[in-house]
PDB file of N, CA and C in Angstrom:
ATOM      1  N   GLN A   1    -159.236 -92.199 -37.893  1.00  0.00           N
ATOM      2  CA  GLN A   1    -158.777 -91.332 -36.818  1.00  0.00           C
ATOM      3  C   GLN A   1    -157.302 -91.019 -37.035  1.00  0.00           C
ATOM      4  N   VAL A   2    -156.973 -89.732 -36.934  1.00  0.00           N
ATOM      5  CA  VAL A   2    -155.601 -89.306 -37.160  1.00  0.00           C
ATOM      6  C   VAL A   2    -154.724 -89.707 -35.981  1.00  0.00           C
ATOM      7  N   GLN A   3    -153.567 -90.242 -36.271  1.00  0.00           N
ATOM      8  CA  GLN A   3    -152.561 -90.534 -35.249  1.00  0.00           C
ATOM      9  C   GLN A   3    -151.266 -89.826 -35.607  1.00  0.00           C
ATOM     10  N   LEU A   4    -150.662 -89.205 -34.608  1.00  0.00           N
ATOM     11  CA  LEU A   4    -149.376 -88.534 -34.775  1.00  0.00           C
ATOM     12  C   LEU A   4    -148.396 -89.153 -33.783  1.00  0.00           C
ATOM     13  N   VAL A   5    -147.250 -89.589 -34.279  1.00  0.00           N
ATOM     14  CA  VAL A   5    -146.246 -90.228 -33.436  1.00  0.00           C
ATOM     15  C   VAL A   5    -144.969 -89.405 -33.476  1.00  0.00           C
ATOM     16  N   GLU A   6    -144.556 -88.930 -32.283  1.00  0.00           N
ATOM     17  CA  GLU A   6    -143.349 -88.106 -32.183  1.00  0.00           C
ATOM     18  C   GLU A   6    -142.183 -88.951 -31.704  1.00  0.00           C
ATOM     19  N   SER A   7    -140.986 -88.490 -32.032  1.00  0.00           N
ATOM     20  CA  SER A   7    -139.763 -89.098 -31.512  1.00  0.00           C
ATOM     21  C   SER A   7    -138.655 -88.054 -31.513  1.00  0.00           C
ATOM     22  N   GLY A   8    -137.611 -88.329 -30.736  1.00  0.00           N
ATOM     23  CA  GLY A   8    -136.424 -87.481 -30.785  1.00  0.00           C
ATOM     24  C   GLY A   8    -136.174 -86.619 -29.577  1.00  0.00           C
ATOM     25  N   GLY A   9    -137.053 -86.635 -28.597  1.00  0.00           N
ATOM     26  CA  GLY A   9    -136.801 -85.844 -27.400  1.00  0.00           C
ATOM     27  C   GLY A   9    -135.701 -86.437 -26.552  1.00  0.00           C
ATOM     28  N   GLY A  10    -135.342 -85.728 -25.477  1.00  0.00           N
ATOM     29  CA  GLY A  10    -134.321 -86.242 -24.573  1.00  0.00           C
ATOM     30  C   GLY A  10    -133.688 -85.151 -23.751  1.00  0.00           C
ATOM     31  N   LEU A  11    -132.574 -85.506 -23.142  1.00  0.00           N
ATOM     32  CA  LEU A  11    -131.808 -84.592 -22.289  1.00  0.00           C
ATOM     33  C   LEU A  11    -130.587 -84.101 -23.062  1.00  0.00           C
ATOM     34  N   VAL A  12    -130.378 -82.800 -23.051  1.00  0.00           N
ATOM     35  CA  VAL A  12    -129.237 -82.225 -23.759  1.00  0.00           C
ATOM     36  C   VAL A  12    -128.691 -81.060 -22.945  1.00  0.00           C
ATOM     37  N   GLN A  13    -127.408 -80.811 -23.075  1.00  0.00           N
ATOM     38  CA  GLN A  13    -126.784 -79.696 -22.372  1.00  0.00           C
ATOM     39  C   GLN A  13    -127.080 -78.381 -23.091  1.00  0.00           C
ATOM     40  N   PRO A  14    -127.051 -77.277 -22.354  1.00  0.00           N
ATOM     41  CA  PRO A  14    -127.221 -75.970 -23.010  1.00  0.00           C
ATOM     42  C   PRO A  14    -126.233 -75.804 -24.155  1.00  0.00           C
ATOM     43  N   GLY A  15    -126.734 -75.261 -25.264  1.00  0.00           N
ATOM     44  CA  GLY A  15    -125.924 -75.112 -26.467  1.00  0.00           C
ATOM     45  C   GLY A  15    -125.976 -76.301 -27.392  1.00  0.00           C
ATOM     46  N   GLY A  16    -126.583 -77.386 -26.952  1.00  0.00           N
ATOM     47  CA  GLY A  16    -126.658 -78.596 -27.761  1.00  0.00           C
ATOM     48  C   GLY A  16    -127.799 -78.572 -28.752  1.00  0.00           C
ATOM     49  N   SER A  17    -127.964 -79.703 -29.443  1.00  0.00           N
ATOM     50  CA  SER A  17    -128.975 -79.812 -30.500  1.00  0.00           C
ATOM     51  C   SER A  17    -129.793 -81.079 -30.335  1.00  0.00           C
ATOM     52  N   LEU A  18    -131.032 -81.013 -30.804  1.00  0.00           N
ATOM     53  CA  LEU A  18    -131.912 -82.171 -30.893  1.00  0.00           C
ATOM     54  C   LEU A  18    -132.752 -82.033 -32.157  1.00  0.00           C
ATOM     55  N   ARG A  19    -133.196 -83.170 -32.664  1.00  0.00           N
ATOM     56  CA  ARG A  19    -134.088 -83.169 -33.833  1.00  0.00           C
ATOM     57  C   ARG A  19    -135.332 -83.978 -33.479  1.00  0.00           C
ATOM     58  N   LEU A  20    -136.473 -83.350 -33.582  1.00  0.00           N
ATOM     59  CA  LEU A  20    -137.749 -84.019 -33.345  1.00  0.00           C
ATOM     60  C   LEU A  20    -138.366 -84.439 -34.669  1.00  0.00           C
ATOM     61  N   SER A  21    -139.024 -85.590 -34.643  1.00  0.00           N
ATOM     62  CA  SER A  21    -139.708 -86.096 -35.831  1.00  0.00           C
ATOM     63  C   SER A  21    -141.166 -86.404 -35.491  1.00  0.00           C
ATOM     64  N   CYS A  22    -142.025 -86.252 -36.470  1.00  0.00           N
ATOM     65  CA  CYS A  22    -143.438 -86.570 -36.291  1.00  0.00           C
ATOM     66  C   CYS A  22    -143.956 -87.199 -37.573  1.00  0.00           C
ATOM     67  N   ALA A  23    -144.625 -88.332 -37.421  1.00  0.00           N
ATOM     68  CA  ALA A  23    -145.229 -89.011 -38.564  1.00  0.00           C
ATOM     69  C   ALA A  23    -146.721 -89.176 -38.318  1.00  0.00           C
ATOM     70  N   GLY A  24    -147.518 -88.800 -39.297  1.00  0.00           N
ATOM     71  CA  GLY A  24    -148.964 -88.886 -39.170  1.00  0.00           C
ATOM     72  C   GLY A  24    -149.549 -89.988 -40.017  1.00  0.00           C
ATOM     73  N   SER A  25    -150.726 -90.469 -39.582  1.00  0.00           N
ATOM     74  CA  SER A  25    -151.432 -91.489 -40.347  1.00  0.00           C
ATOM     75  C   SER A  25    -152.916 -91.408 -40.029  1.00  0.00           C
ATOM     76  N   GLY A  26    -153.720 -92.048 -40.867  1.00  0.00           N
ATOM     77  CA  GLY A  26    -155.133 -92.217 -40.566  1.00  0.00           C
ATOM     78  C   GLY A  26    -156.059 -91.142 -41.075  1.00  0.00           C
ATOM     79  N   SER A  27    -155.537 -90.134 -41.761  1.00  0.00           N
ATOM     80  CA  SER A  27    -156.426 -89.070 -42.240  1.00  0.00           C
ATOM     81  C   SER A  27    -156.805 -89.307 -43.699  1.00  0.00           C
ATOM     82  N   ILE A  28    -158.074 -89.151 -43.996  1.00  0.00           N
ATOM     83  CA  ILE A  28    -158.501 -89.261 -45.388  1.00  0.00           C
ATOM     84  C   ILE A  28    -158.388 -87.916 -46.087  1.00  0.00           C
ATOM     85  N   PHE A  29    -158.138 -86.867 -45.307  1.00  0.00           N
ATOM     86  CA  PHE A  29    -157.899 -85.542 -45.860  1.00  0.00           C
ATOM     87  C   PHE A  29    -156.423 -85.220 -45.727  1.00  0.00           C
ATOM     88  N   GLY A  30    -155.902 -84.463 -46.645  1.00  0.00           N
ATOM     89  CA  GLY A  30    -154.504 -84.071 -46.550  1.00  0.00           C
ATOM     90  C   GLY A  30    -154.288 -83.035 -45.465  1.00  0.00           C
ATOM     91  N   PHE A  31    -153.109 -83.095 -44.845  1.00  0.00           N
ATOM     92  CA  PHE A  31    -152.760 -82.094 -43.849  1.00  0.00           C
ATOM     93  C   PHE A  31    -152.459 -80.774 -44.549  1.00  0.00           C
ATOM     94  N   ILE A  32    -153.032 -79.701 -44.026  1.00  0.00           N
ATOM     95  CA  ILE A  32    -152.769 -78.389 -44.602  1.00  0.00           C
ATOM     96  C   ILE A  32    -151.764 -77.596 -43.771  1.00  0.00           C
ATOM     97  N   VAL A  33    -151.632 -77.966 -42.508  1.00  0.00           N
ATOM     98  CA  VAL A  33    -150.629 -77.361 -41.625  1.00  0.00           C
ATOM     99  C   VAL A  33    -150.129 -78.453 -40.678  1.00  0.00           C
ATOM    100  N   MET A  34    -148.819 -78.517 -40.492  1.00  0.00           N
ATOM    101  CA  MET A  34    -148.239 -79.356 -39.441  1.00  0.00           C
ATOM    102  C   MET A  34    -147.272 -78.500 -38.645  1.00  0.00           C
ATOM    103  N   GLY A  35    -147.169 -78.781 -37.361  1.00  0.00           N
ATOM    104  CA  GLY A  35    -146.295 -77.948 -36.558  1.00  0.00           C
ATOM    105  C   GLY A  35    -145.983 -78.532 -35.211  1.00  0.00           C
ATOM    106  N   TRP A  36    -145.271 -77.743 -34.438  1.00  0.00           N
ATOM    107  CA  TRP A  36    -144.841 -78.128 -33.096  1.00  0.00           C
ATOM    108  C   TRP A  36    -145.267 -77.056 -32.100  1.00  0.00           C
ATOM    109  N   TYR A  37    -145.807 -77.527 -30.994  1.00  0.00           N
ATOM    110  CA  TYR A  37    -146.131 -76.694 -29.852  1.00  0.00           C
ATOM    111  C   TYR A  37    -145.338 -77.224 -28.660  1.00  0.00           C
ATOM    112  N   ARG A  38    -145.237 -76.421 -27.623  1.00  0.00           N
ATOM    113  CA  ARG A  38    -144.580 -76.888 -26.400  1.00  0.00           C
ATOM    114  C   ARG A  38    -145.302 -76.344 -25.181  1.00  0.00           C
ATOM    115  N   GLN A  39    -145.161 -77.087 -24.094  1.00  0.00           N
ATOM    116  CA  GLN A  39    -145.766 -76.681 -22.834  1.00  0.00           C
ATOM    117  C   GLN A  39    -144.799 -76.965 -21.699  1.00  0.00           C
ATOM    118  N   ALA A  40    -144.377 -75.905 -21.042  1.00  0.00           N
ATOM    119  CA  ALA A  40    -143.510 -76.020 -19.876  1.00  0.00           C
ATOM    120  C   ALA A  40    -144.373 -76.099 -18.618  1.00  0.00           C
ATOM    121  N   PRO A  41    -143.836 -76.646 -17.529  1.00  0.00           N
ATOM    122  CA  PRO A  41    -144.623 -76.757 -16.293  1.00  0.00           C
ATOM    123  C   PRO A  41    -145.166 -75.407 -15.844  1.00  0.00           C
ATOM    124  N   GLY A  42    -146.467 -75.338 -15.572  1.00  0.00           N
ATOM    125  CA  GLY A  42    -147.081 -74.115 -15.091  1.00  0.00           C
ATOM    126  C   GLY A  42    -147.351 -73.073 -16.146  1.00  0.00           C
ATOM    127  N   LYS A  43    -147.097 -73.422 -17.415  1.00  0.00           N
ATOM    128  CA  LYS A  43    -147.305 -72.453 -18.493  1.00  0.00           C
ATOM    129  C   LYS A  43    -148.290 -72.991 -19.513  1.00  0.00           C
ATOM    130  N   GLN A  44    -148.835 -72.088 -20.320  1.00  0.00           N
ATOM    131  CA  GLN A  44    -149.745 -72.496 -21.375  1.00  0.00           C
ATOM    132  C   GLN A  44    -148.983 -73.091 -22.549  1.00  0.00           C
ATOM    133  N   ARG A  45    -149.683 -73.946 -23.303  1.00  0.00           N
ATOM    134  CA  ARG A  45    -149.091 -74.485 -24.512  1.00  0.00           C
ATOM    135  C   ARG A  45    -148.917 -73.342 -25.518  1.00  0.00           C
ATOM    136  N   GLU A  46    -147.754 -73.342 -26.188  1.00  0.00           N
ATOM    137  CA  GLU A  46    -147.475 -72.265 -27.129  1.00  0.00           C
ATOM    138  C   GLU A  46    -146.962 -72.823 -28.448  1.00  0.00           C
ATOM    139  N   LEU A  47    -147.221 -72.093 -29.518  1.00  0.00           N
ATOM    140  CA  LEU A  47    -146.704 -72.481 -30.825  1.00  0.00           C
ATOM    141  C   LEU A  47    -145.190 -72.277 -30.863  1.00  0.00           C
ATOM    142  N   VAL A  48    -144.489 -73.285 -31.372  1.00  0.00           N
ATOM    143  CA  VAL A  48    -143.048 -73.167 -31.607  1.00  0.00           C
ATOM    144  C   VAL A  48    -142.808 -72.825 -33.077  1.00  0.00           C
ATOM    145  N   ALA A  49    -143.362 -73.643 -33.967  1.00  0.00           N
ATOM    146  CA  ALA A  49    -143.201 -73.421 -35.406  1.00  0.00           C
ATOM    147  C   ALA A  49    -144.218 -74.262 -36.144  1.00  0.00           C
ATOM    148  N   ASN A  50    -144.607 -73.794 -37.329  1.00  0.00           N
ATOM    149  CA  ASN A  50    -145.437 -74.622 -38.189  1.00  0.00           C
ATOM    150  C   ASN A  50    -145.069 -74.410 -39.647  1.00  0.00           C
ATOM    151  N   ILE A  51    -145.538 -75.353 -40.456  1.00  0.00           N
ATOM    152  CA  ILE A  51    -145.271 -75.327 -41.887  1.00  0.00           C
ATOM    153  C   ILE A  51    -146.562 -75.654 -42.614  1.00  0.00           C
ATOM    154  N   ARG A  52    -146.830 -74.904 -43.673  1.00  0.00           N
ATOM    155  CA  ARG A  52    -148.072 -75.082 -44.418  1.00  0.00           C
ATOM    156  C   ARG A  52    -147.822 -75.916 -45.669  1.00  0.00           C
ATOM    157  N   SER A  53    -148.900 -76.372 -46.261  1.00  0.00           N
ATOM    158  CA  SER A  53    -148.769 -77.255 -47.416  1.00  0.00           C
ATOM    159  C   SER A  53    -148.070 -76.574 -48.576  1.00  0.00           C
ATOM    160  N   GLY A  54    -148.130 -75.251 -48.651  1.00  0.00           N
ATOM    161  CA  GLY A  54    -147.437 -74.528 -49.713  1.00  0.00           C
ATOM    162  C   GLY A  54    -145.974 -74.277 -49.405  1.00  0.00           C
ATOM    163  N   GLY A  55    -145.536 -74.655 -48.211  1.00  0.00           N
ATOM    164  CA  GLY A  55    -144.133 -74.533 -47.827  1.00  0.00           C
ATOM    165  C   GLY A  55    -143.839 -73.362 -46.899  1.00  0.00           C
ATOM    166  N   GLY A  56    -144.800 -72.480 -46.697  1.00  0.00           N
ATOM    167  CA  GLY A  56    -144.569 -71.360 -45.806  1.00  0.00           C
ATOM    168  C   GLY A  56    -144.386 -71.804 -44.370  1.00  0.00           C
ATOM    169  N   THR A  57    -143.550 -71.081 -43.632  1.00  0.00           N
ATOM    170  CA  THR A  57    -143.267 -71.426 -42.248  1.00  0.00           C
ATOM    171  C   THR A  57    -143.524 -70.236 -41.328  1.00  0.00           C
ATOM    172  N   ASN A  58    -143.697 -70.564 -40.052  1.00  0.00           N
ATOM    173  CA  ASN A  58    -143.957 -69.549 -39.031  1.00  0.00           C
ATOM    174  C   ASN A  58    -143.238 -69.990 -37.766  1.00  0.00           C
ATOM    175  N   TYR A  59    -142.563 -69.047 -37.098  1.00  0.00           N
ATOM    176  CA  TYR A  59    -141.793 -69.375 -35.892  1.00  0.00           C
ATOM    177  C   TYR A  59    -142.156 -68.433 -34.748  1.00  0.00           C
ATOM    178  N   ALA A  60    -142.102 -68.957 -33.544  1.00  0.00           N
ATOM    179  CA  ALA A  60    -142.163 -68.102 -32.373  1.00  0.00           C
ATOM    180  C   ALA A  60    -140.904 -67.248 -32.318  1.00  0.00           C
ATOM    181  N   ASP A  61    -141.031 -66.023 -31.844  1.00  0.00           N
ATOM    182  CA  ASP A  61    -139.868 -65.128 -31.781  1.00  0.00           C
ATOM    183  C   ASP A  61    -138.736 -65.734 -30.958  1.00  0.00           C
ATOM    184  N   SER A  62    -139.085 -66.486 -29.928  1.00  0.00           N
ATOM    185  CA  SER A  62    -138.082 -67.023 -29.010  1.00  0.00           C
ATOM    186  C   SER A  62    -137.191 -68.091 -29.636  1.00  0.00           C
ATOM    187  N   VAL A  63    -137.596 -68.645 -30.780  1.00  0.00           N
ATOM    188  CA  VAL A  63    -136.805 -69.720 -31.391  1.00  0.00           C
ATOM    189  C   VAL A  63    -136.255 -69.333 -32.756  1.00  0.00           C
ATOM    190  N   LYS A  64    -136.602 -68.165 -33.265  1.00  0.00           N
ATOM    191  CA  LYS A  64    -136.114 -67.738 -34.581  1.00  0.00           C
ATOM    192  C   LYS A  64    -134.591 -67.710 -34.597  1.00  0.00           C
ATOM    193  N   GLY A  65    -134.027 -68.279 -35.659  1.00  0.00           N
ATOM    194  CA  GLY A  65    -132.586 -68.331 -35.798  1.00  0.00           C
ATOM    195  C   GLY A  65    -131.943 -69.527 -35.133  1.00  0.00           C
ATOM    196  N   ARG A  66    -132.688 -70.249 -34.301  1.00  0.00           N
ATOM    197  CA  ARG A  66    -132.152 -71.432 -33.609  1.00  0.00           C
ATOM    198  C   ARG A  66    -132.840 -72.722 -34.050  1.00  0.00           C
ATOM    199  N   PHE A  67    -134.127 -72.641 -34.314  1.00  0.00           N
ATOM    200  CA  PHE A  67    -134.906 -73.824 -34.691  1.00  0.00           C
ATOM    201  C   PHE A  67    -135.275 -73.739 -36.166  1.00  0.00           C
ATOM    202  N   THR A  68    -135.346 -74.899 -36.811  1.00  0.00           N
ATOM    203  CA  THR A  68    -135.768 -74.968 -38.204  1.00  0.00           C
ATOM    204  C   THR A  68    -136.801 -76.069 -38.365  1.00  0.00           C
ATOM    205  N   ILE A  69    -137.953 -75.717 -38.931  1.00  0.00           N
ATOM    206  CA  ILE A  69    -138.990 -76.707 -39.202  1.00  0.00           C
ATOM    207  C   ILE A  69    -138.915 -77.109 -40.667  1.00  0.00           C
ATOM    208  N   SER A  70    -139.122 -78.391 -40.917  1.00  0.00           N
ATOM    209  CA  SER A  70    -139.144 -78.896 -42.285  1.00  0.00           C
ATOM    210  C   SER A  70    -140.117 -80.067 -42.333  1.00  0.00           C
ATOM    211  N   GLY A  71    -140.434 -80.490 -43.538  1.00  0.00           N
ATOM    212  CA  GLY A  71    -141.328 -81.623 -43.643  1.00  0.00           C
ATOM    213  C   GLY A  71    -141.918 -81.755 -45.018  1.00  0.00           C
ATOM    214  N   ASP A  72    -142.678 -82.805 -45.189  1.00  0.00           N
ATOM    215  CA  ASP A  72    -143.366 -83.095 -46.431  1.00  0.00           C
ATOM    216  C   ASP A  72    -144.805 -83.434 -46.065  1.00  0.00           C
ATOM    217  N   LEU A  73    -145.693 -82.471 -46.193  1.00  0.00           N
ATOM    218  CA  LEU A  73    -147.069 -82.697 -45.750  1.00  0.00           C
ATOM    219  C   LEU A  73    -147.773 -83.741 -46.617  1.00  0.00           C
ATOM    220  N   ALA A  74    -147.328 -83.904 -47.852  1.00  0.00           N
ATOM    221  CA  ALA A  74    -147.905 -84.952 -48.695  1.00  0.00           C
ATOM    222  C   ALA A  74    -147.579 -86.343 -48.151  1.00  0.00           C
ATOM    223  N   LYS A  75    -146.475 -86.425 -47.383  1.00  0.00           N
ATOM    224  CA  LYS A  75    -146.066 -87.691 -46.757  1.00  0.00           C
ATOM    225  C   LYS A  75    -146.376 -87.699 -45.266  1.00  0.00           C
ATOM    226  N   ASN A  76    -147.079 -86.664 -44.788  1.00  0.00           N
ATOM    227  CA  ASN A  76    -147.515 -86.594 -43.391  1.00  0.00           C
ATOM    228  C   ASN A  76    -146.345 -86.604 -42.404  1.00  0.00           C
ATOM    229  N   THR A  77    -145.267 -85.940 -42.736  1.00  0.00           N
ATOM    230  CA  THR A  77    -144.102 -85.893 -41.857  1.00  0.00           C
ATOM    231  C   THR A  77    -143.664 -84.447 -41.617  1.00  0.00           C
ATOM    232  N   VAL A  78    -143.194 -84.206 -40.391  1.00  0.00           N
ATOM    233  CA  VAL A  78    -142.656 -82.901 -40.046  1.00  0.00           C
ATOM    234  C   VAL A  78    -141.509 -83.100 -39.065  1.00  0.00           C
ATOM    235  N   TYR A  79    -140.518 -82.225 -39.154  1.00  0.00           N
ATOM    236  CA  TYR A  79    -139.323 -82.307 -38.317  1.00  0.00           C
ATOM    237  C   TYR A  79    -139.058 -80.943 -37.695  1.00  0.00           C
ATOM    238  N   LEU A  80    -138.374 -80.982 -36.555  1.00  0.00           N
ATOM    239  CA  LEU A  80    -137.946 -79.748 -35.912  1.00  0.00           C
ATOM    240  C   LEU A  80    -136.494 -79.904 -35.501  1.00  0.00           C
ATOM    241  N   GLN A  81    -135.617 -79.189 -36.177  1.00  0.00           N
ATOM    242  CA  GLN A  81    -134.195 -79.167 -35.816  1.00  0.00           C
ATOM    243  C   GLN A  81    -133.997 -78.047 -34.812  1.00  0.00           C
ATOM    244  N   MET A  82    -133.520 -78.402 -33.633  1.00  0.00           N
ATOM    245  CA  MET A  82    -133.341 -77.433 -32.556  1.00  0.00           C
ATOM    246  C   MET A  82    -131.865 -77.305 -32.235  1.00  0.00           C
ATOM    247  N   ASN A  83    -131.305 -76.132 -32.473  1.00  0.00           N
ATOM    248  CA  ASN A  83    -129.904 -75.851 -32.197  1.00  0.00           C
ATOM    249  C   ASN A  83    -129.781 -74.790 -31.106  1.00  0.00           C
ATOM    250  N   SER A  84    -128.599 -74.677 -30.547  1.00  0.00           N
ATOM    251  CA  SER A  84    -128.334 -73.668 -29.514  1.00  0.00           C
ATOM    252  C   SER A  84    -129.412 -73.698 -28.430  1.00  0.00           C
ATOM    253  N   LEU A  85    -129.697 -74.885 -27.947  1.00  0.00           N
ATOM    254  CA  LEU A  85    -130.776 -75.031 -26.978  1.00  0.00           C
ATOM    255  C   LEU A  85    -130.442 -74.352 -25.655  1.00  0.00           C
ATOM    256  N   LYS A  86    -131.492 -73.814 -25.042  1.00  0.00           N
ATOM    257  CA  LYS A  86    -131.369 -73.084 -23.781  1.00  0.00           C
ATOM    258  C   LYS A  86    -132.221 -73.781 -22.712  1.00  0.00           C
ATOM    259  N   PRO A  87    -131.906 -73.588 -21.437  1.00  0.00           N
ATOM    260  CA  PRO A  87    -132.736 -74.188 -20.390  1.00  0.00           C
ATOM    261  C   PRO A  87    -134.212 -73.807 -20.515  1.00  0.00           C
ATOM    262  N   GLU A  88    -134.491 -72.622 -20.996  1.00  0.00           N
ATOM    263  CA  GLU A  88    -135.893 -72.191 -21.140  1.00  0.00           C
ATOM    264  C   GLU A  88    -136.628 -72.892 -22.283  1.00  0.00           C
ATOM    265  N   ASP A  89    -135.915 -73.691 -23.066  1.00  0.00           N
ATOM    266  CA  ASP A  89    -136.568 -74.514 -24.088  1.00  0.00           C
ATOM    267  C   ASP A  89    -137.115 -75.816 -23.496  1.00  0.00           C
ATOM    268  N   THR A  90    -136.801 -76.077 -22.250  1.00  0.00           N
ATOM    269  CA  THR A  90    -137.286 -77.289 -21.592  1.00  0.00           C
ATOM    270  C   THR A  90    -138.815 -77.298 -21.549  1.00  0.00           C
ATOM    271  N   ALA A  91    -139.406 -78.369 -22.084  1.00  0.00           N
ATOM    272  CA  ALA A  91    -140.862 -78.473 -22.160  1.00  0.00           C
ATOM    273  C   ALA A  91    -141.236 -79.822 -22.765  1.00  0.00           C
ATOM    274  N   VAL A  92    -142.520 -80.128 -22.725  1.00  0.00           N
ATOM    275  CA  VAL A  92    -143.044 -81.231 -23.527  1.00  0.00           C
ATOM    276  C   VAL A  92    -143.421 -80.648 -24.887  1.00  0.00           C
ATOM    277  N   TYR A  93    -142.893 -81.260 -25.933  1.00  0.00           N
ATOM    278  CA  TYR A  93    -143.140 -80.796 -27.291  1.00  0.00           C
ATOM    279  C   TYR A  93    -144.198 -81.696 -27.947  1.00  0.00           C
ATOM    280  N   TYR A  94    -145.200 -81.054 -28.542  1.00  0.00           N
ATOM    281  CA  TYR A  94    -146.322 -81.765 -29.150  1.00  0.00           C
ATOM    282  C   TYR A  94    -146.375 -81.496 -30.646  1.00  0.00           C
ATOM    283  N   CYS A  95    -146.554 -82.551 -31.405  1.00  0.00           N
ATOM    284  CA  CYS A  95    -146.806 -82.426 -32.832  1.00  0.00           C
ATOM    285  C   CYS A  95    -148.289 -82.119 -33.037  1.00  0.00           C
ATOM    286  N   ASN A  96    -148.569 -81.257 -34.003  1.00  0.00           N
ATOM    287  CA  ASN A  96    -149.954 -80.886 -34.323  1.00  0.00           C
ATOM    288  C   ASN A  96    -150.140 -80.948 -35.832  1.00  0.00           C
ATOM    289  N   ALA A  97    -151.306 -81.420 -36.248  1.00  0.00           N
ATOM    290  CA  ALA A  97    -151.612 -81.487 -37.676  1.00  0.00           C
ATOM    291  C   ALA A  97    -153.058 -81.096 -37.907  1.00  0.00           C
ATOM    292  N   LYS A  98    -153.266 -80.248 -38.886  1.00  0.00           N
ATOM    293  CA  LYS A  98    -154.609 -79.760 -39.195  1.00  0.00           C
ATOM    294  C   LYS A  98    -155.008 -80.147 -40.620  1.00  0.00           C
ATOM    295  N   THR A  99    -156.259 -80.593 -40.763  1.00  0.00           N
ATOM    296  CA  THR A  99    -156.875 -80.731 -42.065  1.00  0.00           C
ATOM    297  C   THR A  99    -158.025 -79.730 -42.119  1.00  0.00           C
ATOM    298  N   LEU A 100    -158.801 -79.769 -43.162  1.00  0.00           N
ATOM    299  CA  LEU A 100    -159.952 -78.865 -43.258  1.00  0.00           C
ATOM    300  C   LEU A 100    -161.014 -79.190 -42.208  1.00  0.00           C
ATOM    301  N   VAL A 101    -160.973 -80.423 -41.672  1.00  0.00           N
ATOM    302  CA  VAL A 101    -162.037 -80.851 -40.758  1.00  0.00           C
ATOM    303  C   VAL A 101    -161.516 -81.350 -39.412  1.00  0.00           C
ATOM    304  N   SER A 102    -160.222 -81.324 -39.172  1.00  0.00           N
ATOM    305  CA  SER A 102    -159.713 -81.871 -37.917  1.00  0.00           C
ATOM    306  C   SER A 102    -158.485 -81.114 -37.445  1.00  0.00           C
ATOM    307  N   ASP A 103    -158.208 -81.292 -36.154  1.00  0.00           N
ATOM    308  CA  ASP A 103    -157.058 -80.674 -35.500  1.00  0.00           C
ATOM    309  C   ASP A 103    -156.547 -81.721 -34.523  1.00  0.00           C
ATOM    310  N   SER A 104    -155.390 -82.340 -34.813  1.00  0.00           N
ATOM    311  CA  SER A 104    -154.944 -83.509 -34.075  1.00  0.00           C
ATOM    312  C   SER A 104    -153.614 -83.250 -33.373  1.00  0.00           C
ATOM    313  N   TRP A 105    -153.410 -84.003 -32.265  1.00  0.00           N
ATOM    314  CA  TRP A 105    -152.213 -83.841 -31.440  1.00  0.00           C
ATOM    315  C   TRP A 105    -151.522 -85.178 -31.200  1.00  0.00           C
ATOM    316  N   GLY A 106    -150.202 -85.122 -31.135  1.00  0.00           N
ATOM    317  CA  GLY A 106    -149.445 -86.280 -30.702  1.00  0.00           C
ATOM    318  C   GLY A 106    -149.438 -86.375 -29.191  1.00  0.00           C
ATOM    319  N   GLN A 107    -148.770 -87.406 -28.680  1.00  0.00           N
ATOM    320  CA  GLN A 107    -148.766 -87.653 -27.241  1.00  0.00           C
ATOM    321  C   GLN A 107    -147.740 -86.798 -26.512  1.00  0.00           C
ATOM    322  N   GLY A 108    -146.830 -86.198 -27.233  1.00  0.00           N
ATOM    323  CA  GLY A 108    -145.819 -85.338 -26.634  1.00  0.00           C
ATOM    324  C   GLY A 108    -144.508 -86.055 -26.393  1.00  0.00           C
ATOM    325  N   THR A 109    -143.420 -85.295 -26.480  1.00  0.00           N
ATOM    326  CA  THR A 109    -142.087 -85.820 -26.191  1.00  0.00           C
ATOM    327  C   THR A 109    -141.344 -84.794 -25.342  1.00  0.00           C
ATOM    328  N   GLN A 110    -140.678 -85.289 -24.291  1.00  0.00           N
ATOM    329  CA  GLN A 110    -140.017 -84.394 -23.343  1.00  0.00           C
ATOM    330  C   GLN A 110    -138.667 -83.950 -23.889  1.00  0.00           C
ATOM    331  N   VAL A 111    -138.429 -82.648 -23.818  1.00  0.00           N
ATOM    332  CA  VAL A 111    -137.122 -82.072 -24.116  1.00  0.00           C
ATOM    333  C   VAL A 111    -136.638 -81.367 -22.853  1.00  0.00           C
ATOM    334  N   THR A 112    -135.469 -81.777 -22.358  1.00  0.00           N
ATOM    335  CA  THR A 112    -134.898 -81.184 -21.157  1.00  0.00           C
ATOM    336  C   THR A 112    -133.519 -80.650 -21.487  1.00  0.00           C
ATOM    337  N   VAL A 113    -133.318 -79.363 -21.227  1.00  0.00           N
ATOM    338  CA  VAL A 113    -132.030 -78.718 -21.483  1.00  0.00           C
ATOM    339  C   VAL A 113    -131.426 -78.359 -20.130  1.00  0.00           C
ATOM    340  N   SER A 114    -130.364 -79.066 -19.765  1.00  0.00           N
ATOM    341  CA  SER A 114    -129.790 -78.885 -18.442  1.00  0.00           C
ATOM    342  C   SER A 114    -128.353 -79.366 -18.435  1.00  0.00           C
ATOM    343  N   SER A 115    -127.533 -78.708 -17.609  1.00  0.00           N
ATOM    344  CA  SER A 115    -126.152 -79.149 -17.438  1.00  0.00           C
ATOM    345  C   SER A 115    -126.043 -80.098 -16.251  1.00  0.00           C
TER     346      SER A 115
END
């Protein structure tokens, strides 16, 4: 059974930075995509960014130029560097990992951007 463990959330002032980390384990298949989603209160979960095994990345328009995703899918790790954070970035951030046969989620980490 795949397990994803996130870390790095917290409280930060507008304009500040945070780095999220996610480590996966338990899959007998390699991850082909790893990424981050977020869900704010009263809103649907949305894609923030993902990275594919070939290195290609994809970002939500709202975070382009501010967030950077990186990782090593062969080592089951993914990171999200978040800069110039805004109050509207406040949400629970979830790590996601896909193999050819599974789609797994972490437990989520809270990110709060507030003065």
